[in-house]
N, C-alpha and C. Protein backbone atom coordinates (compact mmCIF):
# COMPACT_ATOMS: atom_id res chain seq x y z
N MET A 1 -2.38 9.17 -5.59
CA MET A 1 -1.30 8.28 -6.01
C MET A 1 0.01 8.70 -5.32
N LYS A 2 0.70 7.72 -4.75
CA LYS A 2 1.95 8.01 -4.07
C LYS A 2 3.08 8.21 -5.08
N LEU A 3 3.99 9.12 -4.72
CA LEU A 3 5.11 9.41 -5.60
C LEU A 3 5.97 8.17 -5.81
N THR A 4 6.09 7.33 -4.79
CA THR A 4 6.94 6.14 -4.88
C THR A 4 6.43 5.15 -5.92
N GLU A 5 5.17 5.28 -6.34
CA GLU A 5 4.65 4.40 -7.38
C GLU A 5 5.31 4.67 -8.73
N PHE A 6 6.03 5.79 -8.83
CA PHE A 6 6.70 6.15 -10.07
C PHE A 6 8.17 5.73 -10.08
N ILE A 7 8.60 5.00 -9.03
CA ILE A 7 9.98 4.50 -9.02
C ILE A 7 10.14 3.41 -10.09
N ILE A 8 11.18 3.54 -10.90
CA ILE A 8 11.47 2.60 -11.98
C ILE A 8 12.74 1.83 -11.63
N ASN A 9 12.77 0.55 -12.00
CA ASN A 9 13.93 -0.28 -11.63
C ASN A 9 14.36 -1.17 -12.79
N ASP A 10 14.13 -0.69 -14.03
CA ASP A 10 14.46 -1.54 -15.18
C ASP A 10 15.93 -1.44 -15.58
N VAL A 11 16.62 -0.41 -15.12
CA VAL A 11 18.05 -0.27 -15.38
C VAL A 11 18.80 -0.35 -14.05
N LYS A 12 19.57 -1.38 -13.88
CA LYS A 12 20.28 -1.59 -12.62
C LYS A 12 21.56 -0.75 -12.59
N PRO A 13 22.00 -0.31 -11.41
CA PRO A 13 23.27 0.43 -11.31
C PRO A 13 24.43 -0.43 -11.78
N LEU A 14 25.39 0.19 -12.43
CA LEU A 14 26.62 -0.51 -12.79
C LEU A 14 27.53 -0.59 -11.58
N SER A 15 28.33 -1.64 -11.52
CA SER A 15 29.31 -1.76 -10.44
C SER A 15 30.52 -0.91 -10.76
N SER A 16 31.16 -0.42 -9.72
CA SER A 16 32.33 0.44 -9.90
C SER A 16 33.51 -0.30 -10.53
N ASN A 17 33.45 -1.63 -10.60
CA ASN A 17 34.54 -2.36 -11.25
C ASN A 17 34.23 -2.69 -12.71
N HIS A 18 33.09 -2.18 -13.22
CA HIS A 18 32.81 -2.30 -14.65
C HIS A 18 33.72 -1.36 -15.42
N LYS A 19 33.91 -1.66 -16.70
CA LYS A 19 34.74 -0.80 -17.53
C LYS A 19 33.95 0.39 -18.07
N ILE A 20 34.67 1.46 -18.37
CA ILE A 20 34.07 2.65 -18.95
C ILE A 20 33.37 2.30 -20.27
N SER A 21 33.92 1.36 -21.02
CA SER A 21 33.31 0.95 -22.29
C SER A 21 31.88 0.44 -22.09
N GLU A 22 31.64 -0.26 -20.97
CA GLU A 22 30.29 -0.75 -20.68
C GLU A 22 29.34 0.40 -20.36
N LEU A 23 29.88 1.39 -19.66
CA LEU A 23 29.08 2.58 -19.35
C LEU A 23 28.76 3.34 -20.64
N GLN A 24 29.74 3.48 -21.51
CA GLN A 24 29.52 4.17 -22.79
C GLN A 24 28.49 3.45 -23.64
N LEU A 25 28.53 2.14 -23.64
CA LEU A 25 27.57 1.35 -24.41
C LEU A 25 26.15 1.57 -23.88
N LEU A 26 26.03 1.61 -22.56
CA LEU A 26 24.73 1.82 -21.95
C LEU A 26 24.17 3.20 -22.30
N PHE A 27 25.01 4.20 -22.29
CA PHE A 27 24.56 5.54 -22.67
C PHE A 27 24.15 5.58 -24.15
N ASN A 28 24.83 4.82 -24.98
CA ASN A 28 24.46 4.78 -26.40
C ASN A 28 23.10 4.15 -26.62
N GLU A 29 22.68 3.29 -25.69
CA GLU A 29 21.40 2.60 -25.82
C GLU A 29 20.25 3.37 -25.17
N LEU A 30 20.59 4.28 -24.25
CA LEU A 30 19.56 4.98 -23.47
C LEU A 30 19.63 6.48 -23.72
N THR A 31 18.61 7.18 -23.27
CA THR A 31 18.59 8.65 -23.38
C THR A 31 18.85 9.31 -22.03
N PHE A 32 19.45 8.56 -21.10
CA PHE A 32 19.71 9.08 -19.77
C PHE A 32 20.88 10.07 -19.78
N SER A 33 20.80 11.05 -18.88
CA SER A 33 21.93 11.96 -18.69
C SER A 33 22.93 11.38 -17.71
N HIS A 34 22.49 10.45 -16.86
CA HIS A 34 23.35 9.82 -15.84
C HIS A 34 22.99 8.34 -15.71
N ILE A 35 23.94 7.58 -15.20
CA ILE A 35 23.73 6.17 -14.86
C ILE A 35 24.16 5.96 -13.41
N PRO A 36 23.31 5.36 -12.57
CA PRO A 36 23.68 5.09 -11.18
C PRO A 36 24.82 4.07 -11.08
N ILE A 37 25.65 4.25 -10.05
CA ILE A 37 26.81 3.38 -9.83
C ILE A 37 26.76 2.85 -8.40
N LYS A 38 27.11 1.57 -8.24
CA LYS A 38 27.18 0.97 -6.91
C LYS A 38 28.60 0.49 -6.65
N ASP A 39 28.95 0.30 -5.37
CA ASP A 39 30.27 -0.23 -5.03
C ASP A 39 30.22 -1.76 -4.99
N ASN A 40 31.30 -2.37 -4.55
CA ASN A 40 31.37 -3.83 -4.54
C ASN A 40 30.44 -4.46 -3.51
N ASN A 41 29.91 -3.64 -2.59
CA ASN A 41 28.96 -4.14 -1.58
C ASN A 41 27.52 -3.84 -1.97
N ASN A 42 27.32 -3.49 -3.25
CA ASN A 42 25.99 -3.18 -3.78
C ASN A 42 25.36 -1.92 -3.19
N ALA A 43 26.16 -1.06 -2.61
CA ALA A 43 25.66 0.20 -2.06
C ALA A 43 25.78 1.31 -3.10
N TYR A 44 24.75 2.11 -3.25
CA TYR A 44 24.77 3.22 -4.21
C TYR A 44 25.82 4.24 -3.79
N ILE A 45 26.65 4.67 -4.73
CA ILE A 45 27.69 5.66 -4.41
C ILE A 45 27.55 6.94 -5.23
N GLY A 46 26.70 6.92 -6.25
CA GLY A 46 26.51 8.13 -7.05
C GLY A 46 26.20 7.78 -8.49
N SER A 47 26.32 8.78 -9.37
CA SER A 47 25.98 8.58 -10.77
C SER A 47 27.06 9.19 -11.67
N PHE A 48 27.29 8.54 -12.81
CA PHE A 48 28.19 9.06 -13.83
C PHE A 48 27.36 9.80 -14.88
N SER A 49 27.86 10.92 -15.37
CA SER A 49 27.16 11.64 -16.42
C SER A 49 27.61 11.13 -17.79
N ALA A 50 26.72 11.27 -18.77
CA ALA A 50 27.04 10.85 -20.13
C ALA A 50 28.20 11.66 -20.69
N THR A 51 28.24 12.94 -20.35
CA THR A 51 29.31 13.81 -20.85
C THR A 51 30.68 13.31 -20.40
N ASP A 52 30.78 12.98 -19.10
CA ASP A 52 32.06 12.48 -18.58
C ASP A 52 32.41 11.12 -19.18
N ALA A 53 31.42 10.25 -19.29
CA ALA A 53 31.68 8.88 -19.74
C ALA A 53 32.32 8.85 -21.12
N HIS A 54 31.87 9.73 -22.00
CA HIS A 54 32.39 9.72 -23.36
C HIS A 54 33.74 10.42 -23.49
N CYS A 55 34.19 11.03 -22.38
CA CYS A 55 35.51 11.67 -22.39
C CYS A 55 36.60 10.77 -21.78
N PHE A 56 36.19 9.68 -21.12
CA PHE A 56 37.14 8.84 -20.41
C PHE A 56 37.65 7.70 -21.28
N GLU A 57 38.78 7.14 -20.88
CA GLU A 57 39.36 6.00 -21.59
C GLU A 57 38.51 4.76 -21.39
N SER A 58 38.12 4.14 -22.46
CA SER A 58 37.14 3.06 -22.42
C SER A 58 37.66 1.79 -21.73
N ASP A 59 38.98 1.60 -21.66
CA ASP A 59 39.51 0.38 -21.06
C ASP A 59 39.71 0.49 -19.55
N LYS A 60 39.48 1.69 -18.97
CA LYS A 60 39.61 1.88 -17.52
C LYS A 60 38.32 1.43 -16.83
N ILE A 61 38.43 1.08 -15.54
CA ILE A 61 37.23 0.76 -14.78
C ILE A 61 36.64 2.04 -14.19
N LEU A 62 35.38 1.99 -13.84
CA LEU A 62 34.68 3.18 -13.35
C LEU A 62 35.35 3.75 -12.11
N ASP A 63 35.84 2.87 -11.25
CA ASP A 63 36.45 3.33 -9.99
C ASP A 63 37.68 4.19 -10.24
N TYR A 64 38.31 4.03 -11.39
CA TYR A 64 39.49 4.83 -11.73
C TYR A 64 39.12 6.31 -11.84
N TYR A 65 37.87 6.56 -12.19
CA TYR A 65 37.38 7.94 -12.32
C TYR A 65 36.36 8.29 -11.23
N ASN A 66 36.58 7.74 -10.04
CA ASN A 66 35.59 7.93 -8.98
C ASN A 66 35.41 9.40 -8.58
N TYR A 67 36.39 10.23 -8.91
CA TYR A 67 36.27 11.66 -8.60
C TYR A 67 35.15 12.33 -9.40
N ALA A 68 34.75 11.69 -10.50
CA ALA A 68 33.72 12.27 -11.37
C ALA A 68 32.31 11.81 -10.99
N ILE A 69 32.22 10.92 -10.01
CA ILE A 69 30.90 10.43 -9.60
C ILE A 69 30.14 11.52 -8.86
N GLU A 70 28.90 11.75 -9.27
CA GLU A 70 28.04 12.76 -8.66
C GLU A 70 27.09 12.07 -7.68
N ALA A 71 27.19 12.44 -6.41
CA ALA A 71 26.49 11.68 -5.36
C ALA A 71 25.11 12.25 -5.03
N PHE A 72 24.30 12.53 -6.05
CA PHE A 72 22.95 13.05 -5.77
C PHE A 72 21.94 11.90 -5.69
N PHE A 73 20.87 12.14 -4.95
CA PHE A 73 19.77 11.19 -4.80
C PHE A 73 18.65 11.86 -4.03
N VAL A 74 17.49 11.22 -3.99
CA VAL A 74 16.41 11.63 -3.09
C VAL A 74 15.98 10.41 -2.29
N ARG A 75 15.24 10.66 -1.23
CA ARG A 75 14.69 9.57 -0.42
C ARG A 75 13.31 9.17 -0.96
N ASP A 76 12.85 8.00 -0.56
CA ASP A 76 11.50 7.59 -0.94
C ASP A 76 10.44 8.39 -0.19
N THR A 77 10.87 9.22 0.77
CA THR A 77 9.94 10.08 1.50
C THR A 77 10.01 11.54 1.03
N THR A 78 10.88 11.83 0.06
CA THR A 78 11.06 13.20 -0.42
C THR A 78 9.80 13.66 -1.16
N LEU A 79 9.37 14.89 -0.90
CA LEU A 79 8.15 15.42 -1.49
C LEU A 79 8.37 15.83 -2.95
N LEU A 80 7.26 15.94 -3.68
CA LEU A 80 7.29 16.18 -5.12
C LEU A 80 8.13 17.39 -5.51
N LEU A 81 7.88 18.54 -4.88
CA LEU A 81 8.61 19.75 -5.27
C LEU A 81 10.09 19.65 -4.95
N ASP A 82 10.43 18.95 -3.88
CA ASP A 82 11.84 18.75 -3.54
C ASP A 82 12.52 17.82 -4.54
N VAL A 83 11.77 16.83 -5.04
CA VAL A 83 12.31 15.94 -6.07
C VAL A 83 12.56 16.74 -7.35
N LEU A 84 11.60 17.59 -7.71
CA LEU A 84 11.76 18.41 -8.91
C LEU A 84 12.95 19.35 -8.77
N GLU A 85 13.14 19.91 -7.57
CA GLU A 85 14.29 20.78 -7.34
C GLU A 85 15.59 20.01 -7.49
N ALA A 86 15.62 18.77 -7.01
CA ALA A 86 16.83 17.95 -7.12
C ALA A 86 17.18 17.69 -8.59
N PHE A 87 16.16 17.46 -9.42
CA PHE A 87 16.40 17.31 -10.86
C PHE A 87 17.07 18.56 -11.42
N ALA A 88 16.51 19.73 -11.07
CA ALA A 88 17.00 20.99 -11.62
C ALA A 88 18.41 21.30 -11.14
N VAL A 89 18.67 21.12 -9.86
CA VAL A 89 19.98 21.46 -9.28
C VAL A 89 21.08 20.60 -9.89
N ASN A 90 20.76 19.34 -10.18
CA ASN A 90 21.79 18.41 -10.65
C ASN A 90 21.78 18.20 -12.17
N SER A 91 20.92 18.94 -12.89
CA SER A 91 20.87 18.89 -14.36
C SER A 91 20.84 17.45 -14.86
N THR A 92 19.86 16.71 -14.39
CA THR A 92 19.74 15.29 -14.74
C THR A 92 18.32 14.98 -15.17
N ASN A 93 18.15 13.87 -15.89
CA ASN A 93 16.79 13.44 -16.23
C ASN A 93 16.41 12.13 -15.54
N ILE A 94 17.30 11.61 -14.68
CA ILE A 94 16.93 10.51 -13.79
C ILE A 94 17.41 10.85 -12.38
N MET A 95 16.67 10.39 -11.39
CA MET A 95 17.00 10.70 -10.00
C MET A 95 16.95 9.42 -9.16
N PRO A 96 18.11 8.92 -8.72
CA PRO A 96 18.14 7.72 -7.86
C PRO A 96 17.35 7.94 -6.57
N VAL A 97 16.68 6.89 -6.13
CA VAL A 97 15.86 6.94 -4.91
C VAL A 97 16.39 5.94 -3.90
N LEU A 98 16.68 6.43 -2.69
CA LEU A 98 17.16 5.58 -1.60
C LEU A 98 16.14 5.60 -0.47
N ASN A 99 16.12 4.51 0.32
CA ASN A 99 15.28 4.52 1.52
C ASN A 99 16.11 5.01 2.71
N GLU A 100 15.51 4.96 3.90
CA GLU A 100 16.19 5.50 5.09
C GLU A 100 17.42 4.70 5.48
N ARG A 101 17.52 3.47 4.96
CA ARG A 101 18.70 2.63 5.23
C ARG A 101 19.74 2.76 4.12
N ASN A 102 19.56 3.77 3.27
CA ASN A 102 20.46 4.05 2.15
C ASN A 102 20.50 2.93 1.12
N GLU A 103 19.45 2.16 1.05
CA GLU A 103 19.34 1.11 0.04
C GLU A 103 18.76 1.69 -1.25
N TYR A 104 19.36 1.30 -2.36
CA TYR A 104 18.91 1.79 -3.66
C TYR A 104 17.60 1.11 -4.05
N LEU A 105 16.56 1.92 -4.35
CA LEU A 105 15.25 1.38 -4.69
C LEU A 105 14.95 1.44 -6.18
N GLY A 106 15.62 2.34 -6.89
CA GLY A 106 15.34 2.58 -8.30
C GLY A 106 15.55 4.06 -8.60
N TYR A 107 14.82 4.55 -9.57
CA TYR A 107 15.00 5.95 -9.94
C TYR A 107 13.69 6.55 -10.44
N TYR A 108 13.60 7.88 -10.36
CA TYR A 108 12.52 8.62 -10.99
C TYR A 108 12.99 9.14 -12.34
N GLU A 109 12.08 9.18 -13.31
CA GLU A 109 12.37 9.85 -14.59
C GLU A 109 11.78 11.24 -14.56
N LEU A 110 12.50 12.20 -15.11
CA LEU A 110 12.07 13.60 -15.08
C LEU A 110 10.70 13.79 -15.72
N ASN A 111 10.46 13.15 -16.87
CA ASN A 111 9.18 13.33 -17.56
C ASN A 111 8.01 12.89 -16.71
N ASP A 112 8.19 11.80 -15.95
CA ASP A 112 7.12 11.32 -15.08
C ASP A 112 6.80 12.34 -14.00
N ILE A 113 7.83 12.95 -13.43
CA ILE A 113 7.64 13.93 -12.35
C ILE A 113 6.98 15.19 -12.89
N ILE A 114 7.41 15.63 -14.07
CA ILE A 114 6.79 16.82 -14.67
C ILE A 114 5.32 16.55 -15.00
N ASN A 115 5.02 15.37 -15.54
CA ASN A 115 3.63 15.03 -15.84
C ASN A 115 2.79 14.97 -14.58
N LEU A 116 3.37 14.44 -13.52
CA LEU A 116 2.65 14.36 -12.25
C LEU A 116 2.36 15.75 -11.72
N LEU A 117 3.33 16.64 -11.83
CA LEU A 117 3.13 18.02 -11.39
C LEU A 117 2.07 18.70 -12.25
N GLY A 118 2.06 18.38 -13.55
CA GLY A 118 1.07 18.96 -14.45
C GLY A 118 -0.35 18.53 -14.14
N ASP A 119 -0.51 17.41 -13.45
CA ASP A 119 -1.84 16.94 -13.08
C ASP A 119 -2.35 17.59 -11.79
N SER A 120 -1.50 18.39 -11.15
CA SER A 120 -1.91 19.03 -9.90
C SER A 120 -2.94 20.13 -10.18
N PRO A 121 -3.79 20.49 -9.22
CA PRO A 121 -4.81 21.52 -9.44
C PRO A 121 -4.25 22.85 -9.91
N PHE A 122 -3.01 23.18 -9.50
CA PHE A 122 -2.43 24.46 -9.92
C PHE A 122 -2.41 24.57 -11.43
N PHE A 123 -2.10 23.45 -12.13
CA PHE A 123 -2.02 23.48 -13.58
C PHE A 123 -3.29 22.95 -14.24
N ALA A 124 -3.94 21.96 -13.64
CA ALA A 124 -5.04 21.26 -14.30
C ALA A 124 -6.38 21.97 -14.15
N GLU A 125 -6.62 22.63 -13.03
CA GLU A 125 -7.91 23.26 -12.79
C GLU A 125 -8.03 24.57 -13.59
N PRO A 126 -9.24 24.87 -14.11
CA PRO A 126 -9.42 26.13 -14.83
C PRO A 126 -9.31 27.32 -13.88
N GLY A 127 -8.77 28.41 -14.37
CA GLY A 127 -8.62 29.61 -13.54
C GLY A 127 -7.69 30.60 -14.20
N GLY A 128 -7.48 31.71 -13.54
CA GLY A 128 -6.61 32.75 -14.06
C GLY A 128 -5.30 32.79 -13.31
N VAL A 129 -4.25 33.19 -14.01
CA VAL A 129 -2.92 33.33 -13.39
C VAL A 129 -2.64 34.81 -13.22
N LEU A 130 -2.20 35.16 -12.04
CA LEU A 130 -1.93 36.56 -11.70
C LEU A 130 -0.57 36.64 -11.04
N VAL A 131 0.26 37.58 -11.47
CA VAL A 131 1.56 37.81 -10.85
C VAL A 131 1.52 39.17 -10.16
N ILE A 132 1.79 39.18 -8.86
CA ILE A 132 1.76 40.41 -8.07
C ILE A 132 3.14 40.68 -7.48
N GLU A 133 3.37 41.91 -7.10
CA GLU A 133 4.68 42.30 -6.58
C GLU A 133 4.51 43.25 -5.41
N LYS A 134 5.40 43.08 -4.42
CA LYS A 134 5.37 43.98 -3.25
C LYS A 134 6.75 43.95 -2.59
N GLY A 135 6.98 44.86 -1.66
CA GLY A 135 8.24 44.90 -0.94
C GLY A 135 8.50 43.60 -0.21
N ILE A 136 9.77 43.23 -0.12
CA ILE A 136 10.14 41.94 0.45
C ILE A 136 9.67 41.78 1.89
N HIS A 137 9.55 42.89 2.62
CA HIS A 137 9.14 42.82 4.02
C HIS A 137 7.65 43.18 4.22
N ASP A 138 6.95 43.43 3.12
CA ASP A 138 5.59 43.95 3.24
C ASP A 138 4.50 42.96 2.85
N TYR A 139 4.86 41.89 2.15
CA TYR A 139 3.82 40.97 1.68
C TYR A 139 3.51 39.94 2.75
N SER A 140 2.36 39.31 2.62
CA SER A 140 1.93 38.27 3.55
C SER A 140 1.04 37.29 2.80
N PHE A 141 1.34 36.00 2.92
CA PHE A 141 0.49 35.01 2.26
C PHE A 141 -0.91 34.97 2.87
N SER A 142 -1.01 35.24 4.16
CA SER A 142 -2.34 35.29 4.79
C SER A 142 -3.14 36.45 4.23
N GLU A 143 -2.48 37.59 3.99
CA GLU A 143 -3.15 38.75 3.41
C GLU A 143 -3.56 38.46 1.97
N ILE A 144 -2.67 37.81 1.20
CA ILE A 144 -2.98 37.45 -0.18
C ILE A 144 -4.20 36.54 -0.24
N SER A 145 -4.22 35.52 0.62
CA SER A 145 -5.36 34.60 0.66
C SER A 145 -6.65 35.34 1.02
N GLN A 146 -6.55 36.26 1.98
CA GLN A 146 -7.73 37.02 2.41
C GLN A 146 -8.27 37.88 1.27
N ILE A 147 -7.37 38.49 0.50
CA ILE A 147 -7.79 39.33 -0.62
C ILE A 147 -8.53 38.49 -1.67
N VAL A 148 -7.96 37.35 -2.01
CA VAL A 148 -8.59 36.48 -3.02
C VAL A 148 -9.94 35.98 -2.53
N GLU A 149 -9.99 35.45 -1.31
CA GLU A 149 -11.21 34.83 -0.80
C GLU A 149 -12.30 35.84 -0.47
N SER A 150 -11.91 37.07 -0.11
CA SER A 150 -12.91 38.10 0.18
C SER A 150 -13.63 38.55 -1.09
N ASN A 151 -13.04 38.23 -2.25
CA ASN A 151 -13.67 38.53 -3.53
C ASN A 151 -14.25 37.28 -4.18
N ASN A 152 -14.55 36.28 -3.33
CA ASN A 152 -15.17 35.03 -3.77
C ASN A 152 -14.30 34.22 -4.73
N GLY A 153 -12.99 34.44 -4.65
CA GLY A 153 -12.06 33.65 -5.45
C GLY A 153 -11.59 32.42 -4.69
N LYS A 154 -11.05 31.48 -5.42
CA LYS A 154 -10.51 30.26 -4.83
C LYS A 154 -9.03 30.19 -5.18
N LEU A 155 -8.17 30.26 -4.15
CA LEU A 155 -6.72 30.21 -4.38
C LEU A 155 -6.29 28.77 -4.61
N LEU A 156 -5.93 28.45 -5.86
CA LEU A 156 -5.54 27.09 -6.22
C LEU A 156 -4.06 26.83 -5.99
N GLY A 157 -3.27 27.88 -5.88
CA GLY A 157 -1.84 27.72 -5.65
C GLY A 157 -1.14 29.05 -5.68
N ALA A 158 0.02 29.11 -5.05
CA ALA A 158 0.82 30.33 -5.03
C ALA A 158 2.27 29.96 -4.80
N PHE A 159 3.17 30.63 -5.51
CA PHE A 159 4.59 30.42 -5.26
C PHE A 159 5.36 31.69 -5.57
N ILE A 160 6.50 31.84 -4.91
CA ILE A 160 7.37 32.99 -5.15
C ILE A 160 8.15 32.72 -6.43
N SER A 161 7.90 33.52 -7.45
CA SER A 161 8.51 33.30 -8.76
C SER A 161 9.72 34.19 -9.00
N LYS A 162 9.92 35.21 -8.17
CA LYS A 162 11.08 36.08 -8.30
C LYS A 162 11.31 36.81 -6.99
N MET A 163 12.57 36.99 -6.62
CA MET A 163 12.87 37.66 -5.35
C MET A 163 14.23 38.32 -5.43
N ASN A 164 14.32 39.52 -4.89
CA ASN A 164 15.62 40.16 -4.70
C ASN A 164 15.62 40.82 -3.33
N SER A 165 16.59 41.66 -3.07
CA SER A 165 16.72 42.26 -1.73
C SER A 165 15.61 43.23 -1.41
N ASP A 166 14.89 43.70 -2.43
CA ASP A 166 13.85 44.71 -2.21
C ASP A 166 12.44 44.23 -2.47
N LEU A 167 12.27 43.42 -3.53
CA LEU A 167 10.92 43.07 -3.98
C LEU A 167 10.74 41.56 -4.10
N VAL A 168 9.49 41.15 -4.02
CA VAL A 168 9.15 39.76 -4.24
C VAL A 168 7.98 39.70 -5.22
N GLN A 169 8.06 38.78 -6.18
CA GLN A 169 6.95 38.54 -7.09
C GLN A 169 6.32 37.19 -6.75
N ILE A 170 5.00 37.16 -6.72
CA ILE A 170 4.28 35.96 -6.34
C ILE A 170 3.30 35.61 -7.45
N THR A 171 3.38 34.38 -7.94
CA THR A 171 2.47 33.91 -8.98
C THR A 171 1.30 33.18 -8.33
N LEU A 172 0.09 33.58 -8.68
CA LEU A 172 -1.13 33.02 -8.10
C LEU A 172 -1.95 32.33 -9.19
N LYS A 173 -2.56 31.21 -8.85
CA LYS A 173 -3.57 30.58 -9.71
C LYS A 173 -4.90 30.71 -8.98
N ILE A 174 -5.84 31.39 -9.60
CA ILE A 174 -7.09 31.74 -8.94
C ILE A 174 -8.25 31.18 -9.75
N GLY A 175 -9.14 30.45 -9.11
CA GLY A 175 -10.31 29.90 -9.76
C GLY A 175 -11.60 30.48 -9.21
N ASN A 176 -12.67 30.14 -9.86
CA ASN A 176 -14.02 30.41 -9.32
C ASN A 176 -14.52 31.83 -9.54
N THR A 177 -13.77 32.69 -10.23
CA THR A 177 -14.23 34.07 -10.38
C THR A 177 -13.42 34.81 -11.43
N GLY A 178 -13.94 35.95 -11.88
CA GLY A 178 -13.15 36.86 -12.70
C GLY A 178 -12.10 37.53 -11.83
N LEU A 179 -11.07 38.04 -12.47
CA LEU A 179 -9.94 38.57 -11.71
C LEU A 179 -10.01 40.06 -11.45
N ASN A 180 -10.89 40.79 -12.14
CA ASN A 180 -10.81 42.24 -12.08
C ASN A 180 -10.98 42.79 -10.66
N GLU A 181 -11.99 42.31 -9.94
CA GLU A 181 -12.20 42.81 -8.57
C GLU A 181 -11.03 42.45 -7.66
N ILE A 182 -10.47 41.27 -7.88
CA ILE A 182 -9.31 40.85 -7.09
C ILE A 182 -8.12 41.75 -7.40
N ILE A 183 -7.92 42.04 -8.66
CA ILE A 183 -6.82 42.92 -9.07
C ILE A 183 -6.95 44.29 -8.41
N GLN A 184 -8.15 44.84 -8.45
CA GLN A 184 -8.36 46.18 -7.87
C GLN A 184 -8.12 46.16 -6.36
N THR A 185 -8.49 45.07 -5.70
CA THR A 185 -8.26 44.97 -4.25
C THR A 185 -6.77 44.87 -3.95
N PHE A 186 -6.05 44.10 -4.76
CA PHE A 186 -4.60 44.03 -4.57
C PHE A 186 -3.97 45.42 -4.70
N ARG A 187 -4.45 46.20 -5.65
CA ARG A 187 -3.91 47.55 -5.82
C ARG A 187 -4.19 48.41 -4.59
N ARG A 188 -5.37 48.23 -4.00
CA ARG A 188 -5.69 49.02 -2.81
C ARG A 188 -4.80 48.64 -1.64
N TYR A 189 -4.30 47.41 -1.66
CA TYR A 189 -3.37 46.97 -0.61
C TYR A 189 -1.91 47.18 -1.03
N SER A 190 -1.70 48.01 -2.03
CA SER A 190 -0.36 48.43 -2.48
C SER A 190 0.45 47.32 -3.13
N TYR A 191 -0.22 46.33 -3.71
CA TYR A 191 0.47 45.34 -4.54
C TYR A 191 0.51 45.84 -5.97
N LYS A 192 1.63 45.65 -6.63
CA LYS A 192 1.74 45.98 -8.04
C LYS A 192 1.32 44.76 -8.86
N ILE A 193 0.53 44.98 -9.89
CA ILE A 193 0.11 43.90 -10.78
C ILE A 193 1.14 43.79 -11.90
N VAL A 194 1.87 42.67 -11.92
CA VAL A 194 2.95 42.49 -12.88
C VAL A 194 2.45 41.86 -14.17
N SER A 195 1.58 40.86 -14.04
CA SER A 195 1.10 40.14 -15.22
C SER A 195 0.06 40.97 -15.95
N GLY A 196 0.04 40.81 -17.29
CA GLY A 196 -1.01 41.46 -18.07
C GLY A 196 -2.28 40.63 -17.99
N HIS A 197 -3.42 41.30 -17.97
CA HIS A 197 -4.69 40.59 -17.90
C HIS A 197 -5.69 41.34 -18.76
N GLN A 198 -6.31 40.64 -19.71
CA GLN A 198 -7.14 41.29 -20.72
C GLN A 198 -8.27 42.11 -20.10
N GLU A 199 -8.97 41.52 -19.13
CA GLU A 199 -10.09 42.22 -18.50
C GLU A 199 -9.60 43.48 -17.79
N ASP A 200 -8.49 43.35 -17.06
CA ASP A 200 -7.96 44.48 -16.32
C ASP A 200 -7.46 45.56 -17.29
N SER A 201 -6.83 45.17 -18.39
CA SER A 201 -6.35 46.14 -19.37
C SER A 201 -7.52 46.91 -19.98
N TYR A 202 -8.61 46.21 -20.20
CA TYR A 202 -9.80 46.87 -20.76
C TYR A 202 -10.32 47.93 -19.80
N ILE A 203 -10.38 47.58 -18.51
CA ILE A 203 -10.85 48.54 -17.51
C ILE A 203 -9.91 49.73 -17.43
N GLU A 204 -8.61 49.45 -17.47
CA GLU A 204 -7.62 50.53 -17.41
C GLU A 204 -7.74 51.45 -18.62
N ASN A 205 -7.98 50.89 -19.80
CA ASN A 205 -8.14 51.71 -21.00
C ASN A 205 -9.38 52.59 -20.91
N LEU A 206 -10.46 52.00 -20.38
CA LEU A 206 -11.67 52.80 -20.21
C LEU A 206 -11.43 53.95 -19.24
N LYS A 207 -10.69 53.67 -18.17
CA LYS A 207 -10.40 54.71 -17.18
C LYS A 207 -9.57 55.83 -17.80
N GLU A 208 -8.56 55.45 -18.60
CA GLU A 208 -7.72 56.46 -19.25
C GLU A 208 -8.55 57.33 -20.20
N ARG A 209 -9.44 56.70 -20.96
CA ARG A 209 -10.27 57.46 -21.89
C ARG A 209 -11.24 58.37 -21.14
N SER A 210 -11.76 57.87 -20.02
CA SER A 210 -12.66 58.68 -19.22
C SER A 210 -11.94 59.89 -18.65
N ASP A 211 -10.73 59.68 -18.15
CA ASP A 211 -9.94 60.79 -17.61
C ASP A 211 -9.64 61.82 -18.69
N TYR A 212 -9.35 61.31 -19.91
CA TYR A 212 -9.06 62.22 -21.02
C TYR A 212 -10.29 63.06 -21.38
N LEU A 213 -11.46 62.38 -21.37
CA LEU A 213 -12.71 63.07 -21.72
C LEU A 213 -13.03 64.15 -20.69
N LYS A 214 -12.80 63.83 -19.40
CA LYS A 214 -13.06 64.83 -18.34
C LYS A 214 -12.16 66.04 -18.51
N LYS A 215 -10.89 65.79 -18.83
CA LYS A 215 -9.96 66.91 -19.03
C LYS A 215 -10.42 67.74 -20.24
N TYR A 216 -10.90 67.08 -21.30
CA TYR A 216 -11.33 67.79 -22.50
C TYR A 216 -12.55 68.67 -22.20
N LEU A 217 -13.50 68.09 -21.42
CA LEU A 217 -14.71 68.84 -21.09
C LEU A 217 -14.42 70.01 -20.16
N ASN A 218 -13.35 69.91 -19.40
CA ASN A 218 -13.03 70.98 -18.45
C ASN A 218 -12.23 72.12 -19.09
N ILE A 219 -11.82 71.94 -20.33
CA ILE A 219 -11.06 73.01 -21.00
C ILE A 219 -11.97 74.21 -21.29
């Protein structure tokens, strides 16, 4: 299914010569964080936030407060993760969509995009989640893939979930196998296992008890 199939066009942009009172009324009727705005030539110019709208004088026209217009949007060719990032960066629950000619096509709703992401194999397919950590200059996605696949695992997805000047954390979704052998291989390649994993914890506890027993017998 194409992302553009989720474009909605049931709420038309308000014109910049509409009054603030009309914008306030629209926000009272909807659960949107923003409303798209167009100029007198029907060109999209940005969006007004609900917070700003309720602070402005209701008898003024939108253009009077044009400094408050937020000019965010995505293209109809923008990829799913980039669309999701645009939602997050602009703290909005609707995202205007323009084509390459800057024509307004409609908008995406945040819930639709999140649901679409939730249907991806990373979230929908059964498997285990593993978080690993290594030096910022020492990790390699090709090495990570090789470690997983050499243990008969199937890498369903991977993303960098944390990064600083020294270390990087990578979240993996792994299917088709238990994680213990993969975990042990990552350790041999000097990756730190950040996430807790029941099977791995059990093995570690057994190892600790075994080491304790050996020390006791050697006394």
